Amino acid sequence: MKKPTLIITTLLLLQAVIQPVAAAEQPFSIQGELSVTRVSDGDSLRSGPLKIRLHGIDAPELKQTCADSTGAPWPCGRAARDAMAEIATTAPLRCILKDVDRYGRLIMRCFAGSTDIAEHLVENGLALAYRRYSTDYVAAETTARDHGRGVWAGVFEAPWDWRRRN
């Protein structure tokens, strides 16, 4: 078994044991232990060997470009990554494990201090609510769209459509 797989298995076993004991009131969380070692893109990061994908959002891909209000291209994928790096490296993260995806990444809701990182990215138009998996950030997306923030200031392709096409 690979080391990351062993870590994931251990986390899931801990979750299975801890949650029933806590009467399922408190989800399994890792507090004050995660420091970001790499920001991969606008919705993925690493903490040592752990690969983490933020729950409930989908950010433009790193190579993806969008158009601003004048139609000029801008690197929205890099902007999403940079915004993630800015907020995710300000303090140790407190993350709540939600799931593990088919690629072995931990699907987590992460906070930098009291700020929900995913919500922050969506509110600023640098990620979309990933309704296929969650509706947690739909209100934040509506706010970004109504205020013309980030990708909502111009024209863009949803990240899931961009990935399928590319």
Protein backbone atom coordinates (compact mmCIF):
# COMPACT_ATOMS: atom_id res chain seq x y z
CA MET A 1 0.00 0.00 0.00
CA LYS A 2 1.34 3.44 -0.91
CA LYS A 3 1.98 5.90 1.90
CA PRO A 4 -0.74 8.44 0.83
CA THR A 5 -3.25 5.59 0.56
CA LEU A 6 -2.28 4.46 4.06
CA ILE A 7 -2.83 8.00 5.36
CA ILE A 8 -6.23 8.22 3.67
CA THR A 9 -7.25 4.83 5.00
CA THR A 10 -6.17 5.83 8.50
CA LEU A 11 -8.14 9.11 8.29
CA LEU A 12 -11.27 7.29 7.11
CA LEU A 13 -10.94 4.67 9.87
CA LEU A 14 -10.54 7.44 12.43
CA GLN A 15 -13.60 9.14 11.04
CA ALA A 16 -15.61 5.91 11.27
CA VAL A 17 -14.61 5.47 14.91
CA ILE A 18 -14.83 9.09 16.05
CA GLN A 19 -18.13 10.07 14.48
CA PRO A 20 -20.32 7.44 16.18
CA VAL A 21 -18.66 8.21 19.52
CA ALA A 22 -19.46 11.89 19.09
CA ALA A 23 -23.05 11.01 18.16
CA ALA A 24 -22.35 12.29 14.63
CA GLU A 25 -22.67 15.88 15.89
CA GLN A 26 -19.06 16.82 15.14
CA PRO A 27 -17.64 15.81 11.73
CA PHE A 28 -14.08 14.51 11.69
CA SER A 29 -11.72 17.41 11.35
CA ILE A 30 -8.01 18.03 11.31
CA GLN A 31 -7.35 21.23 13.20
CA GLY A 32 -4.15 23.22 13.21
CA GLU A 33 -2.23 20.39 11.62
CA LEU A 34 -2.41 21.24 7.94
CA SER A 35 0.07 23.64 6.47
CA VAL A 36 -0.04 24.09 2.73
CA THR A 37 3.04 22.86 0.91
CA ARG A 38 1.71 23.44 -2.62
CA VAL A 39 -1.28 25.08 -4.29
CA SER A 40 -1.99 23.11 -7.45
CA ASP A 41 -4.83 25.23 -8.82
CA GLY A 42 -7.90 27.12 -7.66
CA ASP A 43 -9.52 24.16 -5.92
CA SER A 44 -6.65 21.79 -5.10
CA LEU A 45 -3.70 21.92 -2.73
CA ARG A 46 -1.25 19.71 -0.91
CA SER A 47 -0.17 19.39 2.67
CA GLY A 48 2.89 17.18 2.55
CA PRO A 49 1.76 13.89 0.97
CA LEU A 50 -1.95 14.73 1.33
CA LYS A 51 -3.74 15.75 -1.85
CA ILE A 52 -6.74 17.91 -0.99
CA ARG A 53 -9.58 19.10 -3.20
CA LEU A 54 -11.95 21.69 -1.82
CA HIS A 55 -15.48 20.42 -1.33
CA GLY A 56 -18.34 21.86 -3.36
CA ILE A 57 -16.50 24.08 -5.84
CA ASP A 58 -14.88 23.90 -9.25
CA ALA A 59 -12.37 26.57 -10.23
CA PRO A 60 -11.13 27.38 -13.74
CA GLU A 61 -8.31 25.09 -14.79
CA LEU A 62 -4.77 26.44 -14.58
CA LYS A 63 -4.43 26.78 -18.38
CA GLN A 64 -7.95 28.15 -18.81
CA THR A 65 -8.55 31.72 -19.97
CA CYS A 66 -11.70 33.79 -19.70
CA ALA A 67 -12.79 37.04 -21.34
CA ASP A 68 -13.24 40.24 -19.37
CA SER A 69 -16.07 42.74 -19.90
CA THR A 70 -14.33 44.15 -23.00
CA GLY A 71 -13.75 40.69 -24.48
CA ALA A 72 -10.01 40.71 -23.73
CA PRO A 73 -8.62 37.37 -22.54
CA TRP A 74 -7.35 37.04 -18.98
CA PRO A 75 -5.79 34.03 -17.23
CA CYS A 76 -8.70 33.15 -14.93
CA GLY A 77 -7.19 29.76 -14.05
CA ARG A 78 -3.98 31.33 -12.79
CA ALA A 79 -5.96 34.04 -11.00
CA ALA A 80 -7.96 31.34 -9.17
CA ARG A 81 -4.75 29.54 -8.18
CA ASP A 82 -3.15 32.77 -6.99
CA ALA A 83 -6.21 33.68 -4.91
CA MET A 84 -6.20 30.19 -3.37
CA ALA A 85 -2.49 30.53 -2.56
CA GLU A 86 -3.01 33.92 -0.99
CA ILE A 87 -5.72 32.79 1.40
CA ALA A 88 -4.59 29.21 2.05
CA THR A 89 -1.09 30.14 3.13
CA THR A 90 -2.03 32.86 5.63
CA ALA A 91 -2.45 30.43 8.54
CA PRO A 92 -2.53 26.71 9.27
CA LEU A 93 -5.73 25.26 7.88
CA ARG A 94 -8.53 23.60 9.77
CA CYS A 95 -10.17 21.11 7.44
CA ILE A 96 -13.18 18.84 7.67
CA LEU A 97 -13.04 15.61 5.70
CA LYS A 98 -16.13 15.13 3.52
CA ASP A 99 -15.10 12.32 1.18
CA VAL A 100 -12.29 10.79 -0.90
CA ASP A 101 -12.55 11.05 -4.70
CA ARG A 102 -11.68 8.46 -7.31
CA TYR A 103 -8.16 9.94 -7.60
CA GLY A 104 -7.48 9.43 -3.90
CA ARG A 105 -7.74 13.13 -3.07
CA LEU A 106 -9.27 14.12 0.23
CA ILE A 107 -12.41 16.15 -0.37
CA MET A 108 -12.40 18.68 2.43
CA ARG A 109 -14.00 21.88 3.59
CA CYS A 110 -11.07 24.03 4.71
CA PHE A 111 -10.88 27.19 6.76
CA ALA A 112 -8.09 29.74 7.08
CA GLY A 113 -8.95 31.22 10.44
CA SER A 114 -12.72 31.73 10.25
CA THR A 115 -12.78 32.05 6.44
CA ASP A 116 -14.21 29.18 4.42
CA ILE A 117 -11.70 29.12 1.56
CA ALA A 118 -14.13 27.66 -0.99
CA GLU A 119 -16.80 30.21 -0.17
CA HIS A 120 -14.26 33.03 -0.45
CA LEU A 121 -13.21 31.88 -3.93
CA VAL A 122 -16.80 31.51 -5.13
CA GLU A 123 -17.88 34.89 -3.69
CA ASN A 124 -15.04 36.52 -5.61
CA GLY A 125 -15.98 34.84 -8.89
CA LEU A 126 -12.87 32.67 -9.02
CA ALA A 127 -14.70 29.35 -8.65
CA LEU A 128 -18.19 28.03 -9.29
CA ALA A 129 -20.52 26.12 -7.01
CA TYR A 130 -20.11 22.50 -8.11
CA ARG A 131 -23.80 21.62 -8.00
CA ARG A 132 -23.11 18.09 -9.21
CA TYR A 133 -21.71 17.36 -5.75
CA SER A 134 -23.05 20.08 -3.44
CA THR A 135 -25.28 23.13 -3.24
CA ASP A 136 -23.34 24.62 -0.31
CA TYR A 137 -21.98 27.55 -2.32
CA VAL A 138 -24.88 28.44 -4.61
CA ALA A 139 -25.70 31.59 -2.61
CA ALA A 140 -22.06 32.74 -2.80
CA GLU A 141 -22.09 32.14 -6.57
CA THR A 142 -25.30 34.17 -6.94
CA THR A 143 -23.65 37.05 -5.07
CA ALA A 144 -20.59 36.92 -7.34
CA ARG A 145 -22.74 36.77 -10.48
CA ASP A 146 -25.00 39.63 -9.33
CA HIS A 147 -21.98 41.82 -8.61
CA GLY A 148 -20.06 40.85 -11.78
CA ARG A 149 -17.04 39.56 -9.86
CA GLY A 150 -14.23 37.49 -11.38
CA VAL A 151 -15.39 35.26 -14.22
CA TRP A 152 -18.87 36.79 -13.98
CA ALA A 153 -17.49 40.13 -15.25
CA GLY A 154 -17.23 38.75 -18.76
CA VAL A 155 -17.53 35.48 -20.65
CA PHE A 156 -16.19 32.13 -19.49
CA GLU A 157 -16.62 28.41 -19.96
CA ALA A 158 -17.54 26.34 -16.90
CA PRO A 159 -14.47 24.39 -15.73
CA TRP A 160 -16.21 21.02 -16.17
CA ASP A 161 -17.03 21.90 -19.81
CA TRP A 162 -13.50 23.21 -20.43
CA ARG A 163 -11.99 19.94 -19.10
CA ARG A 164 -14.27 17.81 -21.26
CA ARG A 165 -13.36 19.86 -24.36
CA ASN A 166 -9.63 19.86 -23.63
